[in-house]
């Protein structure tokens, strides 16, 4: 059930247009993969502004435990907020 929800969420997010803000989020994600904890703070700040790309990226980070403990419940919450 969780996988179906995540897949549906990701499919709905695929319609998000590419913009300079998305490039910024991709750069922040790249920093996260290099264990930059300040990047998580920057991404969380964007998510507080209801940025759907930031929210879906946080969902992915929590789903797979990238720099944070894996937490599928938290991941689903971020995915849900991204869809809203």
PDB file of N, CA and C in Angstrom:
ATOM      1  N   UNK A   1       0.819  -1.196   0.000  1.00  0.00           N
ATOM      2  CA  UNK A   1       0.000   0.000   0.000  1.00  0.00           C
ATOM      3  C   UNK A   1       0.864   1.262   0.000  1.00  0.00           C
ATOM      4  N   UNK A   2       1.903   1.264   0.834  1.00  0.00           N
ATOM      5  CA  UNK A   2       2.772   2.429   0.921  1.00  0.00           C
ATOM      6  C   UNK A   2       3.462   2.661  -0.417  1.00  0.00           C
ATOM      7  N   UNK A   3       3.948   1.593  -1.053  1.00  0.00           N
ATOM      8  CA  UNK A   3       4.633   1.753  -2.339  1.00  0.00           C
ATOM      9  C   UNK A   3       3.699   2.317  -3.395  1.00  0.00           C
ATOM     10  N   UNK A   4       2.440   1.858  -3.406  1.00  0.00           N
ATOM     11  CA  UNK A   4       1.474   2.377  -4.377  1.00  0.00           C
ATOM     12  C   UNK A   4       1.242   3.865  -4.158  1.00  0.00           C
ATOM     13  N   UNK A   5       1.166   4.273  -2.896  1.00  0.00           N
ATOM     14  CA  UNK A   5       0.967   5.680  -2.575  1.00  0.00           C
ATOM     15  C   UNK A   5       2.164   6.504  -3.031  1.00  0.00           C
ATOM     16  N   UNK A   6       3.351   6.003  -2.768  1.00  0.00           N
ATOM     17  CA  UNK A   6       4.565   6.722  -3.153  1.00  0.00           C
ATOM     18  C   UNK A   6       4.660   6.823  -4.670  1.00  0.00           C
ATOM     19  N   UNK A   7       4.378   5.732  -5.361  1.00  0.00           N
ATOM     20  CA  UNK A   7       4.439   5.752  -6.824  1.00  0.00           C
ATOM     21  C   UNK A   7       3.430   6.742  -7.387  1.00  0.00           C
ATOM     22  N   UNK A   8       2.210   6.728  -6.863  1.00  0.00           N
ATOM     23  CA  UNK A   8       1.187   7.669  -7.334  1.00  0.00           C
ATOM     24  C   UNK A   8       1.620   9.107  -7.072  1.00  0.00           C
ATOM     25  N   UNK A   9       2.221   9.325  -5.932  1.00  0.00           N
ATOM     26  CA  UNK A   9       2.692  10.663  -5.590  1.00  0.00           C
ATOM     27  C   UNK A   9       3.786  11.105  -6.548  1.00  0.00           C
ATOM     28  N   UNK A  10       4.737  10.230  -6.787  1.00  0.00           N
ATOM     29  CA  UNK A  10       5.828  10.582  -7.687  1.00  0.00           C
ATOM     30  C   UNK A  10       5.339  10.835  -9.101  1.00  0.00           C
ATOM     31  N   UNK A  11       4.381  10.065  -9.546  1.00  0.00           N
ATOM     32  CA  UNK A  11       3.829  10.280 -10.881  1.00  0.00           C
ATOM     33  C   UNK A  11       3.146  11.635 -10.974  1.00  0.00           C
ATOM     34  N   UNK A  12       2.457  12.024  -9.922  1.00  0.00           N
ATOM     35  CA  UNK A  12       1.790  13.324  -9.949  1.00  0.00           C
ATOM     36  C   UNK A  12       2.803  14.464  -9.911  1.00  0.00           C
ATOM     37  N   UNK A  13       3.956  14.214  -9.323  1.00  0.00           N
ATOM     38  CA  UNK A  13       4.982  15.246  -9.251  1.00  0.00           C
ATOM     39  C   UNK A  13       5.775  15.364 -10.539  1.00  0.00           C
ATOM     40  N   UNK A  14       5.678  14.371 -11.413  1.00  0.00           N
ATOM     41  CA  UNK A  14       6.443  14.417 -12.652  1.00  0.00           C
ATOM     42  C   UNK A  14       5.980  15.543 -13.554  1.00  0.00           C
ATOM     43  N   UNK A  15       4.804  16.088 -13.301  1.00  0.00           N
ATOM     44  CA  UNK A  15       4.286  17.185 -14.106  1.00  0.00           C
ATOM     45  C   UNK A  15       4.843  18.538 -13.675  1.00  0.00           C
ATOM     46  N   UNK A  16       5.629  18.558 -12.593  1.00  0.00           N
ATOM     47  CA  UNK A  16       6.198  19.811 -12.103  1.00  0.00           C
ATOM     48  C   UNK A  16       7.176  20.343 -13.146  1.00  0.00           C
ATOM     49  N   UNK A  17       7.058  21.603 -13.462  1.00  0.00           N
ATOM     50  CA  UNK A  17       7.928  22.177 -14.488  1.00  0.00           C
ATOM     51  C   UNK A  17       9.323  22.430 -13.935  1.00  0.00           C
ATOM     52  N   UNK A  18      10.278  22.407 -14.831  1.00  0.00           N
ATOM     53  CA  UNK A  18      11.657  22.687 -14.460  1.00  0.00           C
ATOM     54  C   UNK A  18      11.812  24.205 -14.365  1.00  0.00           C
ATOM     55  N   UNK A  19      12.396  24.653 -13.272  1.00  0.00           N
ATOM     56  CA  UNK A  19      12.600  26.082 -13.071  1.00  0.00           C
ATOM     57  C   UNK A  19      13.917  26.295 -12.344  1.00  0.00           C
ATOM     58  N   UNK A  20      14.388  27.528 -12.261  1.00  0.00           N
ATOM     59  CA  UNK A  20      15.614  27.803 -11.516  1.00  0.00           C
ATOM     60  C   UNK A  20      15.517  27.338 -10.060  1.00  0.00           C
ATOM     61  N   UNK A  21      14.324  27.417  -9.474  1.00  0.00           N
ATOM     62  CA  UNK A  21      14.159  26.953  -8.093  1.00  0.00           C
ATOM     63  C   UNK A  21      14.429  25.460  -8.007  1.00  0.00           C
ATOM     64  N   UNK A  22      13.990  24.701  -9.015  1.00  0.00           N
ATOM     65  CA  UNK A  22      14.244  23.262  -9.025  1.00  0.00           C
ATOM     66  C   UNK A  22      15.737  22.981  -9.149  1.00  0.00           C
ATOM     67  N   UNK A  23      16.449  23.797  -9.933  1.00  0.00           N
ATOM     68  CA  UNK A  23      17.895  23.646 -10.042  1.00  0.00           C
ATOM     69  C   UNK A  23      18.550  23.861  -8.683  1.00  0.00           C
ATOM     70  N   UNK A  24      18.040  24.841  -7.937  1.00  0.00           N
ATOM     71  CA  UNK A  24      18.570  25.120  -6.606  1.00  0.00           C
ATOM     72  C   UNK A  24      18.354  23.921  -5.685  1.00  0.00           C
ATOM     73  N   UNK A  25      17.184  23.320  -5.762  1.00  0.00           N
ATOM     74  CA  UNK A  25      16.882  22.162  -4.924  1.00  0.00           C
ATOM     75  C   UNK A  25      17.750  20.977  -5.308  1.00  0.00           C
ATOM     76  N   UNK A  26      17.985  20.802  -6.590  1.00  0.00           N
ATOM     77  CA  UNK A  26      18.876  19.723  -7.025  1.00  0.00           C
ATOM     78  C   UNK A  26      20.288  19.947  -6.502  1.00  0.00           C
ATOM     79  N   UNK A  27      20.743  21.191  -6.478  1.00  0.00           N
ATOM     80  CA  UNK A  27      22.069  21.502  -5.939  1.00  0.00           C
ATOM     81  C   UNK A  27      22.110  21.216  -4.438  1.00  0.00           C
ATOM     82  N   UNK A  28      21.044  21.563  -3.739  1.00  0.00           N
ATOM     83  CA  UNK A  28      20.968  21.282  -2.300  1.00  0.00           C
ATOM     84  C   UNK A  28      20.991  19.767  -2.071  1.00  0.00           C
ATOM     85  N   UNK A  29      20.236  19.024  -2.890  1.00  0.00           N
ATOM     86  CA  UNK A  29      20.219  17.563  -2.753  1.00  0.00           C
ATOM     87  C   UNK A  29      21.622  16.996  -2.983  1.00  0.00           C
ATOM     88  N   UNK A  30      22.313  17.514  -3.957  1.00  0.00           N
ATOM     89  CA  UNK A  30      23.677  17.053  -4.230  1.00  0.00           C
ATOM     90  C   UNK A  30      24.570  17.270  -3.011  1.00  0.00           C
ATOM     91  N   UNK A  31      24.423  18.419  -2.348  1.00  0.00           N
ATOM     92  CA  UNK A  31      25.177  18.681  -1.116  1.00  0.00           C
ATOM     93  C   UNK A  31      24.805  17.683  -0.027  1.00  0.00           C
ATOM     94  N   UNK A  32      23.517  17.319   0.027  1.00  0.00           N
ATOM     95  CA  UNK A  32      23.078  16.341   1.024  1.00  0.00           C
ATOM     96  C   UNK A  32      23.755  14.997   0.813  1.00  0.00           C
ATOM     97  N   UNK A  33      23.870  14.583  -0.433  1.00  0.00           N
ATOM     98  CA  UNK A  33      24.497  13.289  -0.704  1.00  0.00           C
ATOM     99  C   UNK A  33      25.969  13.293  -0.319  1.00  0.00           C
ATOM    100  N   UNK A  34      26.526  14.486  -0.130  1.00  0.00           N
ATOM    101  CA  UNK A  34      27.907  14.622   0.315  1.00  0.00           C
ATOM    102  C   UNK A  34      27.985  14.872   1.822  1.00  0.00           C
ATOM    103  N   UNK A  35      26.868  14.567   2.517  1.00  0.00           N
ATOM    104  CA  UNK A  35      26.783  14.658   3.982  1.00  0.00           C
ATOM    105  C   UNK A  35      26.845  16.082   4.515  1.00  0.00           C
ATOM    106  N   UNK A  36      26.378  17.057   3.755  1.00  0.00           N
ATOM    107  CA  UNK A  36      26.336  18.455   4.190  1.00  0.00           C
ATOM    108  C   UNK A  36      25.033  18.683   4.973  1.00  0.00           C
ATOM    109  N   UNK A  37      25.123  18.720   6.290  1.00  0.00           N
ATOM    110  CA  UNK A  37      23.928  18.868   7.120  1.00  0.00           C
ATOM    111  C   UNK A  37      23.300  20.252   6.988  1.00  0.00           C
ATOM    112  N   UNK A  38      24.061  21.245   6.579  1.00  0.00           N
ATOM    113  CA  UNK A  38      23.497  22.584   6.368  1.00  0.00           C
ATOM    114  C   UNK A  38      22.526  22.576   5.186  1.00  0.00           C
ATOM    115  N   UNK A  39      22.746  21.679   4.256  1.00  0.00           N
ATOM    116  CA  UNK A  39      21.858  21.568   3.097  1.00  0.00           C
ATOM    117  C   UNK A  39      20.466  21.109   3.532  1.00  0.00           C
ATOM    118  N   UNK A  40      20.396  20.249   4.538  1.00  0.00           N
ATOM    119  CA  UNK A  40      19.098  19.796   5.041  1.00  0.00           C
ATOM    120  C   UNK A  40      18.319  20.974   5.625  1.00  0.00           C
ATOM    121  N   UNK A  41      19.005  21.859   6.316  1.00  0.00           N
ATOM    122  CA  UNK A  41      18.373  23.058   6.866  1.00  0.00           C
ATOM    123  C   UNK A  41      17.833  23.940   5.740  1.00  0.00           C
ATOM    124  N   UNK A  42      18.608  24.115   4.688  1.00  0.00           N
ATOM    125  CA  UNK A  42      18.179  24.931   3.546  1.00  0.00           C
ATOM    126  C   UNK A  42      16.965  24.311   2.856  1.00  0.00           C
ATOM    127  N   UNK A  43      16.973  23.008   2.699  1.00  0.00           N
ATOM    128  CA  UNK A  43      15.854  22.326   2.050  1.00  0.00           C
ATOM    129  C   UNK A  43      14.597  22.406   2.910  1.00  0.00           C
ATOM    130  N   UNK A  44      14.745  22.264   4.203  1.00  0.00           N
ATOM    131  CA  UNK A  44      13.614  22.358   5.119  1.00  0.00           C
ATOM    132  C   UNK A  44      13.010  23.763   5.089  1.00  0.00           C
ATOM    133  N   UNK A  45      13.848  24.772   4.967  1.00  0.00           N
ATOM    134  CA  UNK A  45      13.349  26.155   4.883  1.00  0.00           C
ATOM    135  C   UNK A  45      12.508  26.348   3.623  1.00  0.00           C
ATOM    136  N   UNK A  46      12.944  25.787   2.508  1.00  0.00           N
ATOM    137  CA  UNK A  46      12.161  25.871   1.274  1.00  0.00           C
ATOM    138  C   UNK A  46      10.841  25.117   1.417  1.00  0.00           C
ATOM    139  N   UNK A  47      10.881  23.998   2.108  1.00  0.00           N
ATOM    140  CA  UNK A  47       9.663  23.205   2.307  1.00  0.00           C
ATOM    141  C   UNK A  47       8.648  23.958   3.164  1.00  0.00           C
ATOM    142  N   UNK A  48       9.127  24.753   4.105  1.00  0.00           N
ATOM    143  CA  UNK A  48       8.212  25.534   4.939  1.00  0.00           C
ATOM    144  C   UNK A  48       7.450  26.569   4.118  1.00  0.00           C
ATOM    145  N   UNK A  49       8.031  26.947   2.984  1.00  0.00           N
ATOM    146  CA  UNK A  49       7.354  27.870   2.068  1.00  0.00           C
ATOM    147  C   UNK A  49       6.431  27.119   1.109  1.00  0.00           C
ATOM    148  N   UNK A  50       6.187  25.841   1.395  1.00  0.00           N
ATOM    149  CA  UNK A  50       5.284  24.982   0.618  1.00  0.00           C
ATOM    150  C   UNK A  50       5.787  24.739  -0.811  1.00  0.00           C
ATOM    151  N   UNK A  51       7.094  24.721  -1.000  1.00  0.00           N
ATOM    152  CA  UNK A  51       7.679  24.426  -2.303  1.00  0.00           C
ATOM    153  C   UNK A  51       7.517  22.922  -2.564  1.00  0.00           C
ATOM    154  N   UNK A  52       6.744  22.573  -3.591  1.00  0.00           N
ATOM    155  CA  UNK A  52       6.426  21.169  -3.832  1.00  0.00           C
ATOM    156  C   UNK A  52       7.664  20.339  -4.163  1.00  0.00           C
ATOM    157  N   UNK A  53       8.614  20.912  -4.877  1.00  0.00           N
ATOM    158  CA  UNK A  53       9.839  20.173  -5.207  1.00  0.00           C
ATOM    159  C   UNK A  53      10.656  19.915  -3.939  1.00  0.00           C
ATOM    160  N   UNK A  54      10.735  20.896  -3.058  1.00  0.00           N
ATOM    161  CA  UNK A  54      11.461  20.708  -1.797  1.00  0.00           C
ATOM    162  C   UNK A  54      10.776  19.654  -0.939  1.00  0.00           C
ATOM    163  N   UNK A  55       9.452  19.695  -0.895  1.00  0.00           N
ATOM    164  CA  UNK A  55       8.706  18.715  -0.107  1.00  0.00           C
ATOM    165  C   UNK A  55       8.886  17.301  -0.645  1.00  0.00           C
ATOM    166  N   UNK A  56       8.815  17.140  -1.960  1.00  0.00           N
ATOM    167  CA  UNK A  56       8.980  15.800  -2.524  1.00  0.00           C
ATOM    168  C   UNK A  56      10.414  15.301  -2.342  1.00  0.00           C
ATOM    169  N   UNK A  57      11.377  16.221  -2.407  1.00  0.00           N
ATOM    170  CA  UNK A  57      12.771  15.839  -2.176  1.00  0.00           C
ATOM    171  C   UNK A  57      12.964  15.397  -0.729  1.00  0.00           C
ATOM    172  N   UNK A  58      12.355  16.111   0.205  1.00  0.00           N
ATOM    173  CA  UNK A  58      12.426  15.683   1.609  1.00  0.00           C
ATOM    174  C   UNK A  58      11.770  14.314   1.791  1.00  0.00           C
ATOM    175  N   UNK A  59      10.664  14.095   1.094  1.00  0.00           N
ATOM    176  CA  UNK A  59      10.035  12.776   1.154  1.00  0.00           C
ATOM    177  C   UNK A  59      10.988  11.687   0.711  1.00  0.00           C
ATOM    178  N   UNK A  60      11.676  11.926  -0.383  1.00  0.00           N
ATOM    179  CA  UNK A  60      12.642  10.961  -0.904  1.00  0.00           C
ATOM    180  C   UNK A  60      13.772  10.733   0.090  1.00  0.00           C
ATOM    181  N   UNK A  61      14.255  11.815   0.686  1.00  0.00           N
ATOM    182  CA  UNK A  61      15.351  11.733   1.651  1.00  0.00           C
ATOM    183  C   UNK A  61      14.959  10.871   2.844  1.00  0.00           C
ATOM    184  N   UNK A  62      13.745  11.079   3.346  1.00  0.00           N
ATOM    185  CA  UNK A  62      13.296  10.293   4.491  1.00  0.00           C
ATOM    186  C   UNK A  62      12.926   8.865   4.091  1.00  0.00           C
ATOM    187  N   UNK A  63      12.416   8.694   2.890  1.00  0.00           N
ATOM    188  CA  UNK A  63      12.063   7.343   2.441  1.00  0.00           C
ATOM    189  C   UNK A  63      13.303   6.440   2.372  1.00  0.00           C
ATOM    190  N   UNK A  64      14.402   6.991   1.890  1.00  0.00           N
ATOM    191  CA  UNK A  64      15.615   6.194   1.702  1.00  0.00           C
ATOM    192  C   UNK A  64      16.678   6.430   2.763  1.00  0.00           C
ATOM    193  N   UNK A  65      16.404   7.283   3.733  1.00  0.00           N
ATOM    194  CA  UNK A  65      17.349   7.498   4.829  1.00  0.00           C
ATOM    195  C   UNK A  65      18.642   8.167   4.397  1.00  0.00           C
ATOM    196  N   UNK A  66      18.529   9.177   3.551  1.00  0.00           N
ATOM    197  CA  UNK A  66      19.707   9.913   3.090  1.00  0.00           C
ATOM    198  C   UNK A  66      19.998  11.015   4.099  1.00  0.00           C
ATOM    199  N   UNK A  67      21.056  10.873   4.834  1.00  0.00           N
ATOM    200  CA  UNK A  67      21.556  11.792   5.865  1.00  0.00           C
ATOM    201  C   UNK A  67      20.637  11.883   7.098  1.00  0.00           C
ATOM    202  N   UNK A  68      19.489  11.250   7.053  1.00  0.00           N
ATOM    203  CA  UNK A  68      18.551  11.192   8.185  1.00  0.00           C
ATOM    204  C   UNK A  68      18.169   9.729   8.386  1.00  0.00           C
ATOM    205  N   UNK A  69      17.675   9.376   9.563  1.00  0.00           N
ATOM    206  CA  UNK A  69      17.187   8.013   9.739  1.00  0.00           C
ATOM    207  C   UNK A  69      16.004   7.741   8.796  1.00  0.00           C
ATOM    208  N   UNK A  70      15.958   6.554   8.232  1.00  0.00           N
ATOM    209  CA  UNK A  70      14.857   6.199   7.328  1.00  0.00           C
ATOM    210  C   UNK A  70      13.544   6.235   8.094  1.00  0.00           C
ATOM    211  N   UNK A  71      12.553   6.930   7.534  1.00  0.00           N
ATOM    212  CA  UNK A  71      11.260   7.097   8.198  1.00  0.00           C
ATOM    213  C   UNK A  71      10.179   7.215   7.121  1.00  0.00           C
ATOM    214  N   UNK A  72       9.538   6.098   6.792  1.00  0.00           N
ATOM    215  CA  UNK A  72       8.542   6.110   5.715  1.00  0.00           C
ATOM    216  C   UNK A  72       7.303   6.909   6.094  1.00  0.00           C
ATOM    217  N   UNK A  73       6.982   6.969   7.370  1.00  0.00           N
ATOM    218  CA  UNK A  73       5.831   7.763   7.801  1.00  0.00           C
ATOM    219  C   UNK A  73       6.085   9.239   7.515  1.00  0.00           C
ATOM    220  N   UNK A  74       7.258   9.715   7.873  1.00  0.00           N
ATOM    221  CA  UNK A  74       7.629  11.109   7.606  1.00  0.00           C
ATOM    222  C   UNK A  74       7.702  11.349   6.100  1.00  0.00           C
ATOM    223  N   UNK A  75       8.233  10.388   5.370  1.00  0.00           N
ATOM    224  CA  UNK A  75       8.328  10.509   3.915  1.00  0.00           C
ATOM    225  C   UNK A  75       6.942  10.692   3.298  1.00  0.00           C
ATOM    226  N   UNK A  76       6.009   9.876   3.721  1.00  0.00           N
ATOM    227  CA  UNK A  76       4.653   9.986   3.188  1.00  0.00           C
ATOM    228  C   UNK A  76       4.022  11.335   3.518  1.00  0.00           C
ATOM    229  N   UNK A  77       4.309  11.861   4.696  1.00  0.00           N
ATOM    230  CA  UNK A  77       3.768  13.174   5.056  1.00  0.00           C
ATOM    231  C   UNK A  77       4.309  14.254   4.122  1.00  0.00           C
ATOM    232  N   UNK A  78       5.603  14.183   3.825  1.00  0.00           N
ATOM    233  CA  UNK A  78       6.187  15.155   2.899  1.00  0.00           C
ATOM    234  C   UNK A  78       5.615  14.991   1.497  1.00  0.00           C
ATOM    235  N   UNK A  79       5.469  13.750   1.038  1.00  0.00           N
ATOM    236  CA  UNK A  79       4.882  13.509  -0.280  1.00  0.00           C
ATOM    237  C   UNK A  79       3.446  14.056  -0.350  1.00  0.00           C
ATOM    238  N   UNK A  80       2.704  13.822   0.701  1.00  0.00           N
ATOM    239  CA  UNK A  80       1.322  14.300   0.748  1.00  0.00           C
ATOM    240  C   UNK A  80       1.272  15.831   0.651  1.00  0.00           C
ATOM    241  N   UNK A  81       2.135  16.500   1.423  1.00  0.00           N
ATOM    242  CA  UNK A  81       2.180  17.961   1.390  1.00  0.00           C
ATOM    243  C   UNK A  81       2.585  18.459   0.005  1.00  0.00           C
ATOM    244  N   UNK A  82       3.480  17.740  -0.648  1.00  0.00           N
ATOM    245  CA  UNK A  82       3.914  18.134  -1.988  1.00  0.00           C
ATOM    246  C   UNK A  82       2.759  18.062  -2.980  1.00  0.00           C
ATOM    247  N   UNK A  83       1.900  17.081  -2.804  1.00  0.00           N
ATOM    248  CA  UNK A  83       0.756  16.913  -3.709  1.00  0.00           C
ATOM    249  C   UNK A  83      -0.306  17.984  -3.463  1.00  0.00           C
ATOM    250  N   UNK A  84      -0.405  18.437  -2.247  1.00  0.00           N
ATOM    251  CA  UNK A  84      -1.416  19.449  -1.923  1.00  0.00           C
ATOM    252  C   UNK A  84      -1.025  20.767  -2.504  1.00  0.00           C
TER     253      UNK A  84
END
